[in-house]
């Protein structure tokens, strides 16, 4: 019997690592497009911009799909505003 392989989609932790990898790739792409050196400070700033953009789209999608009386609506709106301000 062949051993089964574990895919990235099999565990939530692997999914989170995949998101971090996507953010890192996006950050490097931002640095290249802006023609900035990949210093720790520049990378941290680009990574934050990348992750906040993903958060904004996620909050917008959640708010669009949620019912009007969703108990977490106010919290999601606050989080959206925070992500937009970063």
N, C-alpha and C. Protein backbone atom coordinates (compact mmCIF):
# COMPACT_ATOMS: atom_id res chain seq x y z
N UNK A 1 0.84 -1.17 0.00
CA UNK A 1 0.00 0.00 0.00
C UNK A 1 0.89 1.24 0.00
N UNK A 2 0.54 2.24 -0.86
CA UNK A 2 1.32 3.46 -0.94
C UNK A 2 0.99 4.40 0.21
N UNK A 3 2.00 5.11 0.74
CA UNK A 3 1.71 6.09 1.78
C UNK A 3 0.95 7.27 1.18
N UNK A 4 0.04 7.80 1.95
CA UNK A 4 -0.74 8.94 1.49
C UNK A 4 0.03 10.22 1.75
N UNK A 5 -0.01 11.11 0.81
CA UNK A 5 0.67 12.39 1.01
C UNK A 5 -0.31 13.39 1.59
N UNK A 6 0.21 14.31 2.36
CA UNK A 6 -0.60 15.37 2.94
C UNK A 6 -0.46 16.59 2.06
N UNK A 7 -1.59 17.14 1.64
CA UNK A 7 -1.55 18.33 0.79
C UNK A 7 -1.69 19.58 1.64
N UNK A 8 -1.38 20.71 1.05
CA UNK A 8 -1.46 21.98 1.77
C UNK A 8 -2.88 22.28 2.21
N UNK A 9 -3.87 21.81 1.47
CA UNK A 9 -5.25 22.10 1.81
C UNK A 9 -5.76 21.20 2.93
N UNK A 10 -4.97 20.23 3.36
CA UNK A 10 -5.44 19.28 4.35
C UNK A 10 -5.49 19.83 5.76
N UNK A 11 -4.73 20.86 6.06
CA UNK A 11 -4.74 21.38 7.42
C UNK A 11 -4.85 22.89 7.42
N UNK A 12 -5.54 23.44 8.42
CA UNK A 12 -5.67 24.89 8.49
C UNK A 12 -4.32 25.59 8.63
N UNK A 13 -3.40 24.98 9.36
CA UNK A 13 -2.08 25.59 9.53
C UNK A 13 -1.36 25.71 8.20
N UNK A 14 -1.52 24.71 7.36
CA UNK A 14 -0.89 24.76 6.04
C UNK A 14 -1.52 25.86 5.20
N UNK A 15 -2.81 26.07 5.34
CA UNK A 15 -3.49 27.16 4.63
C UNK A 15 -2.99 28.51 5.07
N UNK A 16 -2.76 28.67 6.37
CA UNK A 16 -2.23 29.93 6.89
C UNK A 16 -0.82 30.16 6.37
N UNK A 17 -0.03 29.09 6.29
CA UNK A 17 1.32 29.21 5.76
C UNK A 17 1.27 29.59 4.29
N UNK A 18 0.28 29.06 3.57
CA UNK A 18 0.11 29.41 2.16
C UNK A 18 -0.23 30.89 2.01
N UNK A 19 -1.07 31.42 2.90
CA UNK A 19 -1.40 32.84 2.86
C UNK A 19 -0.16 33.68 3.12
N UNK A 20 0.63 33.29 4.11
CA UNK A 20 1.86 34.01 4.42
C UNK A 20 2.80 33.99 3.22
N UNK A 21 2.86 32.87 2.54
CA UNK A 21 3.70 32.76 1.36
C UNK A 21 3.19 33.69 0.26
N UNK A 22 1.89 33.74 0.07
CA UNK A 22 1.31 34.64 -0.94
C UNK A 22 1.58 36.10 -0.60
N UNK A 23 1.48 36.45 0.70
CA UNK A 23 1.77 37.82 1.12
C UNK A 23 3.24 38.15 0.85
N UNK A 24 4.13 37.20 1.14
CA UNK A 24 5.56 37.43 0.92
C UNK A 24 5.85 37.62 -0.57
N UNK A 25 5.23 36.79 -1.40
CA UNK A 25 5.42 36.94 -2.85
C UNK A 25 4.90 38.29 -3.33
N UNK A 26 3.74 38.66 -2.83
CA UNK A 26 3.17 39.96 -3.19
C UNK A 26 4.05 41.11 -2.73
N UNK A 27 4.63 40.98 -1.54
CA UNK A 27 5.52 42.01 -1.01
C UNK A 27 6.75 42.15 -1.90
N UNK A 28 7.33 41.04 -2.30
CA UNK A 28 8.50 41.09 -3.18
C UNK A 28 8.15 41.69 -4.53
N UNK A 29 6.96 41.38 -5.03
CA UNK A 29 6.50 41.94 -6.30
C UNK A 29 6.36 43.47 -6.16
N UNK A 30 5.79 43.93 -5.03
CA UNK A 30 5.65 45.36 -4.78
C UNK A 30 7.02 46.05 -4.77
N UNK A 31 7.97 45.42 -4.09
CA UNK A 31 9.31 46.01 -4.02
C UNK A 31 9.94 46.10 -5.41
N UNK A 32 9.77 45.05 -6.20
CA UNK A 32 10.35 45.05 -7.55
C UNK A 32 9.70 46.13 -8.42
N UNK A 33 8.38 46.25 -8.36
CA UNK A 33 7.70 47.25 -9.17
C UNK A 33 8.07 48.67 -8.76
N UNK A 34 8.29 48.86 -7.45
CA UNK A 34 8.66 50.18 -6.94
C UNK A 34 10.17 50.42 -7.05
N UNK A 35 10.89 49.40 -7.50
CA UNK A 35 12.36 49.46 -7.62
C UNK A 35 13.01 49.84 -6.29
N UNK A 36 12.53 49.17 -5.22
CA UNK A 36 13.08 49.38 -3.88
C UNK A 36 13.96 48.20 -3.49
N UNK A 37 14.98 48.49 -2.71
CA UNK A 37 15.84 47.43 -2.17
C UNK A 37 15.02 46.54 -1.24
N UNK A 38 15.28 45.23 -1.22
CA UNK A 38 14.54 44.33 -0.32
C UNK A 38 15.12 44.34 1.09
N UNK A 39 15.20 45.53 1.69
CA UNK A 39 15.69 45.63 3.07
C UNK A 39 14.61 45.14 4.01
N UNK A 40 14.95 44.79 5.24
CA UNK A 40 13.93 44.36 6.20
C UNK A 40 12.81 45.39 6.38
N UNK A 41 13.15 46.67 6.45
CA UNK A 41 12.13 47.70 6.64
C UNK A 41 11.22 47.81 5.41
N UNK A 42 11.81 47.81 4.21
CA UNK A 42 10.99 47.88 3.00
C UNK A 42 10.12 46.65 2.85
N UNK A 43 10.68 45.47 3.15
CA UNK A 43 9.89 44.25 3.05
C UNK A 43 8.74 44.26 4.04
N UNK A 44 9.00 44.69 5.27
CA UNK A 44 7.94 44.73 6.29
C UNK A 44 6.81 45.66 5.85
N UNK A 45 7.16 46.80 5.30
CA UNK A 45 6.14 47.75 4.85
C UNK A 45 5.33 47.15 3.68
N UNK A 46 6.02 46.56 2.72
CA UNK A 46 5.33 45.96 1.56
C UNK A 46 4.46 44.78 1.98
N UNK A 47 4.95 43.97 2.93
CA UNK A 47 4.19 42.83 3.43
C UNK A 47 2.91 43.31 4.11
N UNK A 48 3.03 44.37 4.91
CA UNK A 48 1.85 44.91 5.60
C UNK A 48 0.83 45.43 4.60
N UNK A 49 1.30 46.13 3.58
CA UNK A 49 0.39 46.63 2.55
C UNK A 49 -0.32 45.48 1.85
N UNK A 50 0.41 44.45 1.55
CA UNK A 50 -0.15 43.28 0.86
C UNK A 50 -1.21 42.59 1.74
N UNK A 51 -0.89 42.38 2.99
CA UNK A 51 -1.82 41.67 3.87
C UNK A 51 -3.05 42.52 4.19
N UNK A 52 -2.89 43.84 4.29
CA UNK A 52 -4.05 44.69 4.56
C UNK A 52 -4.99 44.72 3.36
N UNK A 53 -4.45 44.69 2.15
CA UNK A 53 -5.32 44.65 0.98
C UNK A 53 -6.15 43.37 0.96
N UNK A 54 -5.53 42.27 1.34
CA UNK A 54 -6.26 40.99 1.40
C UNK A 54 -7.34 41.06 2.48
N UNK A 55 -7.01 41.67 3.61
CA UNK A 55 -7.98 41.78 4.70
C UNK A 55 -9.16 42.64 4.26
N UNK A 56 -8.89 43.74 3.59
CA UNK A 56 -9.97 44.62 3.13
C UNK A 56 -10.93 43.86 2.22
N UNK A 57 -10.40 43.12 1.27
CA UNK A 57 -11.30 42.39 0.36
C UNK A 57 -12.07 41.30 1.10
N UNK A 58 -11.45 40.67 2.08
CA UNK A 58 -12.14 39.66 2.88
C UNK A 58 -13.26 40.25 3.72
N UNK A 59 -13.01 41.39 4.37
CA UNK A 59 -14.06 42.04 5.17
C UNK A 59 -15.19 42.53 4.29
N UNK A 60 -14.86 43.07 3.13
CA UNK A 60 -15.91 43.53 2.21
C UNK A 60 -16.79 42.38 1.75
N UNK A 61 -16.16 41.26 1.46
CA UNK A 61 -16.92 40.09 1.02
C UNK A 61 -17.81 39.57 2.15
N UNK A 62 -17.26 39.49 3.35
CA UNK A 62 -18.03 39.02 4.50
C UNK A 62 -19.23 39.92 4.77
N UNK A 63 -19.02 41.23 4.70
CA UNK A 63 -20.12 42.17 4.94
C UNK A 63 -21.18 42.09 3.84
N UNK A 64 -20.75 41.85 2.62
CA UNK A 64 -21.71 41.74 1.52
C UNK A 64 -22.57 40.49 1.65
N UNK A 65 -21.99 39.42 2.18
CA UNK A 65 -22.71 38.15 2.28
C UNK A 65 -23.50 38.00 3.58
N UNK A 66 -23.15 38.78 4.58
CA UNK A 66 -23.76 38.62 5.91
C UNK A 66 -25.16 39.24 5.94
N UNK A 67 -26.04 38.64 6.75
CA UNK A 67 -27.37 39.25 6.91
C UNK A 67 -27.26 40.57 7.68
N UNK A 68 -28.26 41.42 7.50
CA UNK A 68 -28.24 42.75 8.13
C UNK A 68 -28.17 42.68 9.66
N UNK A 69 -28.72 41.64 10.24
CA UNK A 69 -28.73 41.52 11.71
C UNK A 69 -27.58 40.66 12.24
N UNK A 70 -26.53 40.49 11.48
CA UNK A 70 -25.37 39.70 11.88
C UNK A 70 -24.75 40.31 13.13
N UNK A 71 -24.63 39.53 14.22
CA UNK A 71 -24.12 40.09 15.47
C UNK A 71 -22.69 40.65 15.38
N UNK A 72 -21.89 40.16 14.46
CA UNK A 72 -20.51 40.61 14.34
C UNK A 72 -20.33 41.71 13.28
N UNK A 73 -21.41 42.24 12.78
CA UNK A 73 -21.34 43.25 11.72
C UNK A 73 -20.53 44.47 12.15
N UNK A 74 -20.80 45.00 13.33
CA UNK A 74 -20.08 46.19 13.80
C UNK A 74 -18.58 45.91 13.93
N UNK A 75 -18.25 44.74 14.43
CA UNK A 75 -16.83 44.38 14.58
C UNK A 75 -16.16 44.25 13.22
N UNK A 76 -16.84 43.68 12.25
CA UNK A 76 -16.29 43.54 10.90
C UNK A 76 -16.10 44.91 10.25
N UNK A 77 -17.03 45.81 10.48
CA UNK A 77 -16.90 47.17 9.93
C UNK A 77 -15.71 47.88 10.57
N UNK A 78 -15.56 47.75 11.89
CA UNK A 78 -14.40 48.35 12.56
C UNK A 78 -13.09 47.79 12.00
N UNK A 79 -13.05 46.48 11.81
CA UNK A 79 -11.84 45.85 11.27
C UNK A 79 -11.58 46.31 9.84
N UNK A 80 -12.63 46.47 9.06
CA UNK A 80 -12.49 46.98 7.69
C UNK A 80 -11.90 48.38 7.71
N UNK A 81 -12.44 49.25 8.54
CA UNK A 81 -11.92 50.63 8.63
C UNK A 81 -10.46 50.63 9.07
N UNK A 82 -10.12 49.77 10.01
CA UNK A 82 -8.73 49.70 10.46
C UNK A 82 -7.83 49.28 9.30
N UNK A 83 -8.22 48.25 8.57
CA UNK A 83 -7.41 47.78 7.45
C UNK A 83 -7.28 48.84 6.37
N UNK A 84 -8.33 49.60 6.15
CA UNK A 84 -8.28 50.67 5.15
C UNK A 84 -7.34 51.80 5.59
N UNK A 85 -7.22 52.01 6.88
CA UNK A 85 -6.40 53.12 7.38
C UNK A 85 -4.91 52.79 7.40
N UNK A 86 -4.57 51.53 7.20
CA UNK A 86 -3.16 51.14 7.28
C UNK A 86 -2.44 51.33 6.00
